PDB file of N, CA and C in Angstrom:
ATOM      1  N   MET A   1     -15.919  -9.734  -9.869  1.00  0.00           N
ATOM      2  CA  MET A   1     -15.680  -8.220 -10.495  1.00  0.00           C
ATOM      3  C   MET A   1     -14.368  -8.030  -9.665  1.00  0.00           C
ATOM      4  N   THR A   2     -14.012  -7.280 -10.276  1.00  0.00           N
ATOM      5  CA  THR A   2     -12.362  -6.825 -10.430  1.00  0.00           C
ATOM      6  C   THR A   2     -12.874  -5.044 -10.487  1.00  0.00           C
ATOM      7  N   ILE A   3     -12.295  -4.023  -9.593  1.00  0.00           N
ATOM      8  CA  ILE A   3     -12.175  -2.890  -9.476  1.00  0.00           C
ATOM      9  C   ILE A   3     -10.967  -2.326  -9.706  1.00  0.00           C
ATOM     10  N   VAL A   4     -10.747  -1.151 -10.946  1.00  0.00           N
ATOM     11  CA  VAL A   4      -9.708  -0.272 -11.400  1.00  0.00           C
ATOM     12  C   VAL A   4      -9.870   0.591 -10.178  1.00  0.00           C
ATOM     13  N   ILE A   5      -8.814   0.918  -9.441  1.00  0.00           N
ATOM     14  CA  ILE A   5      -8.319   1.958  -9.231  1.00  0.00           C
ATOM     15  C   ILE A   5      -7.332   3.057  -9.913  1.00  0.00           C
ATOM     16  N   PHE A   6      -7.695   3.943 -10.176  1.00  0.00           N
ATOM     17  CA  PHE A   6      -6.499   4.735 -10.976  1.00  0.00           C
ATOM     18  C   PHE A   6      -5.603   4.844 -10.052  1.00  0.00           C
ATOM     19  N   GLY A   7      -4.320   4.687 -10.849  1.00  0.00           N
ATOM     20  CA  GLY A   7      -3.353   4.973 -10.248  1.00  0.00           C
ATOM     21  C   GLY A   7      -2.393   3.745  -9.481  1.00  0.00           C
ATOM     22  N   GLN A   8      -3.736   2.757  -9.083  1.00  0.00           N
ATOM     23  CA  GLN A   8      -3.285   2.141  -7.820  1.00  0.00           C
ATOM     24  C   GLN A   8      -3.365   0.398  -8.503  1.00  0.00           C
ATOM     25  N   GLY A   9      -3.829  -0.201  -9.455  1.00  0.00           N
ATOM     26  CA  GLY A   9      -4.407  -1.260 -10.165  1.00  0.00           C
ATOM     27  C   GLY A   9      -5.432  -1.815  -9.838  1.00  0.00           C
ATOM     28  N   THR A  10      -5.625  -2.780  -9.852  1.00  0.00           N
ATOM     29  CA  THR A  10      -6.960  -3.575  -9.503  1.00  0.00           C
ATOM     30  C   THR A  10      -7.502  -4.490  -7.633  1.00  0.00           C
ATOM     31  N   ALA A  11      -8.141  -4.607  -7.872  1.00  0.00           N
ATOM     32  CA  ALA A  11      -8.644  -4.696  -6.433  1.00  0.00           C
ATOM     33  C   ALA A  11     -10.010  -6.190  -6.370  1.00  0.00           C
ATOM     34  N   ASN A  12      -9.802  -6.996  -5.877  1.00  0.00           N
ATOM     35  CA  ASN A  12     -11.119  -7.708  -5.650  1.00  0.00           C
ATOM     36  C   ASN A  12     -12.192  -7.107  -4.511  1.00  0.00           C
ATOM     37  N   MET A  13     -13.387  -7.360  -4.613  1.00  0.00           N
ATOM     38  CA  MET A  13     -14.679  -7.024  -3.915  1.00  0.00           C
ATOM     39  C   MET A  13     -14.712  -7.234  -2.581  1.00  0.00           C
ATOM     40  N   CYS A  14     -13.856  -8.230  -2.597  1.00  0.00           N
ATOM     41  CA  CYS A  14     -13.746  -9.010  -0.973  1.00  0.00           C
ATOM     42  C   CYS A  14     -12.820  -8.399  -0.060  1.00  0.00           C
ATOM     43  N   ASP A  15     -11.496  -7.368  -1.119  1.00  0.00           N
ATOM     44  CA  ASP A  15     -10.963  -6.860   0.272  1.00  0.00           C
ATOM     45  C   ASP A  15     -11.665  -5.658   0.702  1.00  0.00           C
ATOM     46  N   TRP A  16     -12.923  -5.473   0.557  1.00  0.00           N
ATOM     47  CA  TRP A  16     -13.949  -4.333   0.795  1.00  0.00           C
ATOM     48  C   TRP A  16     -15.281  -5.074   1.609  1.00  0.00           C
ATOM     49  N   ILE A  17     -15.504  -5.992   0.955  1.00  0.00           N
ATOM     50  CA  ILE A  17     -16.379  -6.505   1.902  1.00  0.00           C
ATOM     51  C   ILE A  17     -16.452  -7.327   3.236  1.00  0.00           C
ATOM     52  N   GLN A  18     -16.557  -7.613   4.239  1.00  0.00           N
ATOM     53  CA  GLN A  18     -16.873  -8.020   4.961  1.00  0.00           C
ATOM     54  C   GLN A  18     -18.363  -8.962   5.572  1.00  0.00           C
ATOM     55  N   CYS A  19     -18.117 -10.338   5.444  1.00  0.00           N
ATOM     56  CA  CYS A  19     -19.341 -11.085   5.452  1.00  0.00           C
ATOM     57  C   CYS A  19     -19.663 -11.054   7.511  1.00  0.00           C
ATOM     58  N   ALA A  20     -21.246 -11.223   7.556  1.00  0.00           N
ATOM     59  CA  ALA A  20     -21.279 -11.413   9.275  1.00  0.00           C
ATOM     60  C   ALA A  20     -21.275 -12.750   9.412  1.00  0.00           C
ATOM     61  N   ASN A  21     -21.179 -12.769  10.606  1.00  0.00           N
ATOM     62  CA  ASN A  21     -21.323 -14.088  11.234  1.00  0.00           C
ATOM     63  C   ASN A  21     -20.270 -15.234  11.185  1.00  0.00           C
ATOM     64  N   GLY A  22     -19.128 -14.896  10.703  1.00  0.00           N
ATOM     65  CA  GLY A  22     -18.280 -16.053  10.212  1.00  0.00           C
ATOM     66  C   GLY A  22     -18.098 -15.976   9.176  1.00  0.00           C
ATOM     67  N   GLY A  23     -19.187 -15.741   8.443  1.00  0.00           N
ATOM     68  CA  GLY A  23     -18.852 -16.084   6.803  1.00  0.00           C
ATOM     69  C   GLY A  23     -18.052 -15.536   6.010  1.00  0.00           C
ATOM     70  N   ILE A  24     -17.477 -16.156   5.146  1.00  0.00           N
ATOM     71  CA  ILE A  24     -16.409 -16.051   3.799  1.00  0.00           C
ATOM     72  C   ILE A  24     -16.805 -15.387   2.288  1.00  0.00           C
ATOM     73  N   CYS A  25     -16.375 -14.346   2.840  1.00  0.00           N
ATOM     74  CA  CYS A  25     -16.420 -13.555   0.892  1.00  0.00           C
ATOM     75  C   CYS A  25     -15.690 -14.579  -0.052  1.00  0.00           C
ATOM     76  N   GLN A  26     -16.292 -14.674  -1.073  1.00  0.00           N
ATOM     77  CA  GLN A  26     -15.406 -15.106  -2.361  1.00  0.00           C
ATOM     78  C   GLN A  26     -15.949 -14.816  -3.822  1.00  0.00           C
ATOM     79  N   PRO A  27     -15.095 -13.994  -4.144  1.00  0.00           N
ATOM     80  CA  PRO A  27     -15.074 -13.720  -5.624  1.00  0.00           C
ATOM     81  C   PRO A  27     -16.170 -14.310  -6.052  1.00  0.00           C
ATOM     82  N   ALA A  28     -16.646 -14.010  -7.019  1.00  0.00           N
ATOM     83  CA  ALA A  28     -18.070 -14.295  -7.729  1.00  0.00           C
ATOM     84  C   ALA A  28     -18.537 -13.869  -9.035  1.00  0.00           C
ATOM     85  N   GLU A  29     -17.386 -14.576 -10.325  1.00  0.00           N
ATOM     86  CA  GLU A  29     -17.903 -13.888 -11.457  1.00  0.00           C
ATOM     87  C   GLU A  29     -19.022 -13.895 -12.077  1.00  0.00           C
ATOM     88  N   GLY A  30     -19.394 -13.002 -12.972  1.00  0.00           N
ATOM     89  CA  GLY A  30     -20.766 -13.430 -13.157  1.00  0.00           C
ATOM     90  C   GLY A  30     -21.950 -13.158 -12.368  1.00  0.00           C
ATOM     91  N   SER A  31     -21.448 -12.820 -11.050  1.00  0.00           N
ATOM     92  CA  SER A  31     -22.631 -12.292 -10.141  1.00  0.00           C
ATOM     93  C   SER A  31     -22.423 -10.366 -10.027  1.00  0.00           C
ATOM     94  N   THR A  32     -23.825 -10.066 -10.207  1.00  0.00           N
ATOM     95  CA  THR A  32     -23.867  -8.401 -10.076  1.00  0.00           C
ATOM     96  C   THR A  32     -23.331  -7.884  -9.074  1.00  0.00           C
ATOM     97  N   LEU A  33     -22.853  -8.468  -7.992  1.00  0.00           N
ATOM     98  CA  LEU A  33     -22.052  -8.175  -6.983  1.00  0.00           C
ATOM     99  C   LEU A  33     -20.737  -8.341  -6.864  1.00  0.00           C
ATOM    100  N   GLY A  34     -20.437  -9.173  -7.515  1.00  0.00           N
ATOM    101  CA  GLY A  34     -18.609  -9.873  -7.751  1.00  0.00           C
ATOM    102  C   GLY A  34     -18.614 -10.600  -6.668  1.00  0.00           C
ATOM    103  N   TYR A  35     -19.245 -10.977  -5.789  1.00  0.00           N
ATOM    104  CA  TYR A  35     -19.024 -11.291  -4.693  1.00  0.00           C
ATOM    105  C   TYR A  35     -20.016 -12.440  -4.136  1.00  0.00           C
ATOM    106  N   LYS A  36     -19.797 -13.452  -3.197  1.00  0.00           N
ATOM    107  CA  LYS A  36     -20.909 -14.313  -2.636  1.00  0.00           C
ATOM    108  C   LYS A  36     -19.900 -14.422  -1.255  1.00  0.00           C
ATOM    109  N   CYS A  37     -21.269 -14.070  -0.227  1.00  0.00           N
ATOM    110  CA  CYS A  37     -20.678 -14.514   1.185  1.00  0.00           C
ATOM    111  C   CYS A  37     -20.828 -16.046   1.559  1.00  0.00           C
ATOM    112  N   ARG A  38     -19.960 -17.427   1.666  1.00  0.00           N
ATOM    113  CA  ARG A  38     -20.035 -18.457   2.406  1.00  0.00           C
ATOM    114  C   ARG A  38     -20.362 -18.505   3.455  1.00  0.00           C
ATOM    115  N   CYS A  39     -21.895 -18.164   4.223  1.00  0.00           N
ATOM    116  CA  CYS A  39     -21.993 -18.621   5.168  1.00  0.00           C
ATOM    117  C   CYS A  39     -22.129 -19.836   6.276  1.00  0.00           C
ATOM    118  N   GLN A  40     -21.614 -19.552   7.679  1.00  0.00           N
ATOM    119  CA  GLN A  40     -21.593 -20.513   8.563  1.00  0.00           C
ATOM    120  C   GLN A  40     -23.163 -21.075   8.727  1.00  0.00           C
ATOM    121  N   PHE A  41     -22.969 -22.472   9.183  1.00  0.00           N
ATOM    122  CA  PHE A  41     -24.004 -23.060   9.427  1.00  0.00           C
ATOM    123  C   PHE A  41     -25.179 -22.290  10.312  1.00  0.00           C
ATOM    124  N   GLY A  42     -26.590 -22.009  10.049  1.00  0.00           N
ATOM    125  CA  GLY A  42     -27.237 -21.583  10.728  1.00  0.00           C
ATOM    126  C   GLY A  42     -27.351 -19.823  10.034  1.00  0.00           C
ATOM    127  N   PHE A  43     -27.035 -19.435   9.258  1.00  0.00           N
ATOM    128  CA  PHE A  43     -26.905 -18.150   8.460  1.00  0.00           C
ATOM    129  C   PHE A  43     -27.185 -18.227   7.509  1.00  0.00           C
ATOM    130  N   THR A  44     -27.961 -17.119   7.108  1.00  0.00           N
ATOM    131  CA  THR A  44     -28.183 -16.532   5.648  1.00  0.00           C
ATOM    132  C   THR A  44     -27.988 -15.104   5.391  1.00  0.00           C
ATOM    133  N   GLY A  45     -28.189 -15.229   3.665  1.00  0.00           N
ATOM    134  CA  GLY A  45     -28.547 -13.514   3.324  1.00  0.00           C
ATOM    135  C   GLY A  45     -27.049 -13.252   2.757  1.00  0.00           C
ATOM    136  N   THR A  46     -27.257 -12.154   1.746  1.00  0.00           N
ATOM    137  CA  THR A  46     -26.075 -11.323   1.221  1.00  0.00           C
ATOM    138  C   THR A  46     -24.991 -11.576   1.591  1.00  0.00           C
ATOM    139  N   LEU A  47     -24.754 -10.979   3.014  1.00  0.00           N
ATOM    140  CA  LEU A  47     -23.608 -10.829   4.175  1.00  0.00           C
ATOM    141  C   LEU A  47     -23.652 -11.690   5.304  1.00  0.00           C
ATOM    142  N   CYS A  48     -24.647 -12.634   5.315  1.00  0.00           N
ATOM    143  CA  CYS A  48     -24.483 -13.761   5.878  1.00  0.00           C
ATOM    144  C   CYS A  48     -24.841 -13.076   7.469  1.00  0.00           C
ATOM    145  N   GLU A  49     -26.247 -12.051   7.458  1.00  0.00           N
ATOM    146  CA  GLU A  49     -26.653 -11.004   8.137  1.00  0.00           C
ATOM    147  C   GLU A  49     -27.865 -11.778   9.149  1.00  0.00           C
ATOM    148  N   ASN A  50     -28.504 -12.683   8.229  1.00  0.00           N
ATOM    149  CA  ASN A  50     -29.884 -13.653   8.930  1.00  0.00           C
ATOM    150  C   ASN A  50     -29.457 -14.671   9.265  1.00  0.00           C
ATOM    151  N   ARG A  51     -29.917 -14.823  10.819  1.00  0.00           N
ATOM    152  CA  ARG A  51     -30.093 -16.725  11.533  1.00  0.00           C
ATOM    153  C   ARG A  51     -31.295 -16.976  10.968  1.00  0.00           C
ATOM    154  N   LEU A  52     -30.651 -18.233  10.088  1.00  0.00           N
ATOM    155  CA  LEU A  52     -31.638 -19.309   9.624  1.00  0.00           C
ATOM    156  C   LEU A  52     -32.322 -20.176  11.074  1.00  0.00           C
ATOM    157  N   ASN A  53     -33.635 -20.016  10.647  1.00  0.00           N
ATOM    158  CA  ASN A  53     -34.820 -20.851  11.776  1.00  0.00           C
ATOM    159  C   ASN A  53     -34.413 -22.471  10.822  1.00  0.00           C
ATOM    160  N   ILE A  54     -33.607 -23.072  11.525  1.00  0.00           N
ATOM    161  CA  ILE A  54     -33.835 -24.641  10.742  1.00  0.00           C
ATOM    162  C   ILE A  54     -34.751 -25.110  10.879  1.00  0.00           C
ATOM    163  N   THR A  55     -36.342 -24.813  11.806  1.00  0.00           N
ATOM    164  CA  THR A  55     -37.159 -25.195  11.830  1.00  0.00           C
ATOM    165  C   THR A  55     -38.209 -24.758  10.318  1.00  0.00           C
ATOM    166  N   THR A  56     -37.628 -23.909   9.973  1.00  0.00           N
ATOM    167  CA  THR A  56     -38.403 -23.691   9.165  1.00  0.00           C
ATOM    168  C   THR A  56     -39.257 -23.995   8.088  1.00  0.00           C
ATOM    169  N   CYS A  57     -38.973 -25.497   7.231  1.00  0.00           N
ATOM    170  CA  CYS A  57     -39.481 -26.395   7.017  1.00  0.00           C
ATOM    171  C   CYS A  57     -40.890 -26.748   7.534  1.00  0.00           C
ATOM    172  N   VAL A  58     -40.829 -27.259   9.196  1.00  0.00           N
ATOM    173  CA  VAL A  58     -41.539 -27.183   9.722  1.00  0.00           C
ATOM    174  C   VAL A  58     -43.045 -26.604   9.738  1.00  0.00           C
ATOM    175  N   ARG A  59     -42.920 -25.255   9.464  1.00  0.00           N
ATOM    176  CA  ARG A  59     -44.015 -24.617   8.638  1.00  0.00           C
ATOM    177  C   ARG A  59     -44.216 -24.179   7.388  1.00  0.00           C
ATOM    178  N   ASN A  60     -43.418 -25.324   7.022  1.00  0.00           N
ATOM    179  CA  ASN A  60     -43.622 -25.441   5.288  1.00  0.00           C
ATOM    180  C   ASN A  60     -44.004 -23.725   4.074  1.00  0.00           C
ATOM    181  N   PRO A  61     -42.875 -23.161   4.026  1.00  0.00           N
ATOM    182  CA  PRO A  61     -43.245 -21.999   3.263  1.00  0.00           C
ATOM    183  C   PRO A  61     -43.472 -22.567   2.025  1.00  0.00           C
ATOM    184  N   CYS A  62     -43.344 -23.444   1.684  1.00  0.00           N
ATOM    185  CA  CYS A  62     -43.542 -24.001   0.129  1.00  0.00           C
ATOM    186  C   CYS A  62     -45.220 -23.957  -0.387  1.00  0.00           C
ATOM    187  N   LEU A  63     -45.780 -23.573  -1.204  1.00  0.00           N
ATOM    188  CA  LEU A  63     -47.522 -23.640  -1.375  1.00  0.00           C
ATOM    189  C   LEU A  63     -47.588 -24.626  -2.648  1.00  0.00           C
ATOM    190  N   HIS A  64     -48.789 -25.013  -2.492  1.00  0.00           N
ATOM    191  CA  HIS A  64     -49.477 -25.721  -3.230  1.00  0.00           C
ATOM    192  C   HIS A  64     -48.883 -27.102  -2.952  1.00  0.00           C
ATOM    193  N   ASN A  65     -48.347 -27.746  -1.670  1.00  0.00           N
ATOM    194  CA  ASN A  65     -47.779 -28.890  -1.368  1.00  0.00           C
ATOM    195  C   ASN A  65     -46.307 -28.766  -1.762  1.00  0.00           C
ATOM    196  N   GLY A  66     -45.882 -27.895  -2.320  1.00  0.00           N
ATOM    197  CA  GLY A  66     -44.221 -28.138  -2.460  1.00  0.00           C
ATOM    198  C   GLY A  66     -43.867 -28.396  -1.351  1.00  0.00           C
ATOM    199  N   ASN A  67     -42.475 -29.269  -2.153  1.00  0.00           N
ATOM    200  CA  ASN A  67     -41.670 -30.032  -0.830  1.00  0.00           C
ATOM    201  C   ASN A  67     -40.554 -28.886  -0.255  1.00  0.00           C
ATOM    202  N   CYS A  68     -40.264 -28.781   0.901  1.00  0.00           N
ATOM    203  CA  CYS A  68     -39.093 -27.833   1.496  1.00  0.00           C
ATOM    204  C   CYS A  68     -37.913 -28.488   1.905  1.00  0.00           C
ATOM    205  N   THR A  69     -36.746 -27.349   1.585  1.00  0.00           N
ATOM    206  CA  THR A  69     -35.684 -27.967   1.876  1.00  0.00           C
ATOM    207  C   THR A  69     -34.631 -27.191   1.977  1.00  0.00           C
ATOM    208  N   VAL A  70     -33.696 -27.517   3.069  1.00  0.00           N
ATOM    209  CA  VAL A  70     -32.632 -26.874   3.618  1.00  0.00           C
ATOM    210  C   VAL A  70     -31.348 -27.323   2.888  1.00  0.00           C
ATOM    211  N   THR A  71     -31.221 -26.633   2.286  1.00  0.00           N
ATOM    212  CA  THR A  71     -29.626 -26.628   0.707  1.00  0.00           C
ATOM    213  C   THR A  71     -28.204 -26.815   1.934  1.00  0.00           C
ATOM    214  N   ASN A  72     -27.454 -27.236   1.036  1.00  0.00           N
ATOM    215  CA  ASN A  72     -25.852 -27.375   1.997  1.00  0.00           C
ATOM    216  C   ASN A  72     -25.669 -25.940   2.217  1.00  0.00           C
ATOM    217  N   ASP A  73     -25.465 -24.988   1.466  1.00  0.00           N
ATOM    218  CA  ASP A  73     -25.563 -23.573   1.991  1.00  0.00           C
ATOM    219  C   ASP A  73     -26.739 -22.521   3.030  1.00  0.00           C
ATOM    220  N   TYR A  74     -27.751 -23.816   3.225  1.00  0.00           N
ATOM    221  CA  TYR A  74     -28.575 -23.359   4.225  1.00  0.00           C
ATOM    222  C   TYR A  74     -29.514 -22.281   3.355  1.00  0.00           C
ATOM    223  N   GLN A  75     -29.818 -22.566   2.720  1.00  0.00           N
ATOM    224  CA  GLN A  75     -31.005 -22.122   1.878  1.00  0.00           C
ATOM    225  C   GLN A  75     -32.093 -22.565   1.839  1.00  0.00           C
ATOM    226  N   VAL A  76     -33.231 -22.001   1.898  1.00  0.00           N
ATOM    227  CA  VAL A  76     -34.767 -22.841   2.009  1.00  0.00           C
ATOM    228  C   VAL A  76     -34.713 -22.781   0.420  1.00  0.00           C
ATOM    229  N   LYS A  77     -35.154 -24.190   0.259  1.00  0.00           N
ATOM    230  CA  LYS A  77     -35.277 -24.414  -1.173  1.00  0.00           C
ATOM    231  C   LYS A  77     -36.566 -25.121  -1.434  1.00  0.00           C
ATOM    232  N   CYS A  78     -37.960 -24.779  -2.268  1.00  0.00           N
ATOM    233  CA  CYS A  78     -38.810 -25.018  -2.326  1.00  0.00           C
ATOM    234  C   CYS A  78     -38.459 -25.929  -3.771  1.00  0.00           C
ATOM    235  N   THR A  79     -39.018 -27.456  -3.285  1.00  0.00           N
ATOM    236  CA  THR A  79     -39.212 -28.336  -4.689  1.00  0.00           C
ATOM    237  C   THR A  79     -40.805 -27.910  -5.144  1.00  0.00           C
ATOM    238  N   CYS A  80     -41.262 -27.925  -6.438  1.00  0.00           N
ATOM    239  CA  CYS A  80     -42.206 -27.678  -7.084  1.00  0.00           C
ATOM    240  C   CYS A  80     -43.135 -28.696  -7.292  1.00  0.00           C
ATOM    241  N   PRO A  81     -44.363 -29.046  -7.409  1.00  0.00           N
ATOM    242  CA  PRO A  81     -45.364 -30.141  -7.761  1.00  0.00           C
ATOM    243  C   PRO A  81     -45.227 -29.578  -8.856  1.00  0.00           C
ATOM    244  N   LYS A  82     -45.872 -30.334  -9.857  1.00  0.00           N
ATOM    245  CA  LYS A  82     -45.873 -30.555 -11.607  1.00  0.00           C
ATOM    246  C   LYS A  82     -47.285 -29.345 -11.458  1.00  0.00           C
ATOM    247  N   GLY A  83     -46.613 -28.534 -12.322  1.00  0.00           N
ATOM    248  CA  GLY A  83     -47.783 -27.417 -12.920  1.00  0.00           C
ATOM    249  C   GLY A  83     -47.858 -26.042 -12.075  1.00  0.00           C
ATOM    250  N   TYR A  84     -46.528 -25.764 -11.298  1.00  0.00           N
ATOM    251  CA  TYR A  84     -45.707 -25.101 -10.350  1.00  0.00           C
ATOM    252  C   TYR A  84     -44.651 -24.435 -10.413  1.00  0.00           C
ATOM    253  N   THR A  85     -44.064 -23.418 -10.172  1.00  0.00           N
ATOM    254  CA  THR A  85     -42.623 -22.900 -10.099  1.00  0.00           C
ATOM    255  C   THR A  85     -43.257 -21.589  -9.087  1.00  0.00           C
ATOM    256  N   GLY A  86     -41.723 -20.886  -8.844  1.00  0.00           N
ATOM    257  CA  GLY A  86     -41.406 -19.940  -8.027  1.00  0.00           C
ATOM    258  C   GLY A  86     -40.924 -20.455  -7.314  1.00  0.00           C
ATOM    259  N   THR A  87     -40.034 -19.566  -6.091  1.00  0.00           N
ATOM    260  CA  THR A  87     -39.362 -19.324  -4.940  1.00  0.00           C
ATOM    261  C   THR A  87     -39.955 -20.193  -4.164  1.00  0.00           C
ATOM    262  N   ARG A  88     -41.410 -20.405  -4.084  1.00  0.00           N
ATOM    263  CA  ARG A  88     -41.974 -20.559  -2.803  1.00  0.00           C
ATOM    264  C   ARG A  88     -43.210 -21.370  -3.842  1.00  0.00           C
ATOM    265  N   CYS A  89     -42.974 -22.195  -4.972  1.00  0.00           N
ATOM    266  CA  CYS A  89     -44.239 -22.425  -5.968  1.00  0.00           C
ATOM    267  C   CYS A  89     -45.373 -21.304  -6.046  1.00  0.00           C
ATOM    268  N   GLU A  90     -45.339 -20.304  -6.188  1.00  0.00           N
ATOM    269  CA  GLU A  90     -46.259 -19.475  -5.737  1.00  0.00           C
ATOM    270  C   GLU A  90     -46.808 -19.196  -7.371  1.00  0.00           C
ATOM    271  N   ILE A  91     -46.308 -19.530  -8.083  1.00  0.00           N
ATOM    272  CA  ILE A  91     -46.669 -19.435  -9.678  1.00  0.00           C
ATOM    273  C   ILE A  91     -47.003 -20.545 -10.830  1.00  0.00           C
ATOM    274  N   SER A  92     -48.288 -20.516 -10.885  1.00  0.00           N
ATOM    275  CA  SER A  92     -48.941 -21.728 -11.494  1.00  0.00           C
ATOM    276  C   SER A  92     -48.166 -21.713 -12.986  1.00  0.00           C
ATOM    277  N   ILE A  93     -48.261 -22.722 -13.242  1.00  0.00           N
ATOM    278  CA  ILE A  93     -47.595 -22.952 -15.243  1.00  0.00           C
ATOM    279  C   ILE A  93     -48.383 -23.767 -16.065  1.00  0.00           C
TER     280      ILE A  93
END
């Protein structure tokens, strides 16, 4: 997202956004926010404000025997078994 500042030209959202915990702001065209914070290992959230518990998958937040993994950008992802969908495999299809 580019912001037009009257009489000043344009600016990038990352000129105003500060990601926490060493995260790096990157413009993200098509995003409703206009930016994405690339978080350092162990952090997650829109602004990298949340510490990721890398043992999260030990408790398996995925329902219906979904498979829990931590992605390359340190987000928790559930791979759902056949017949289920949703962030945590909570929706029967």
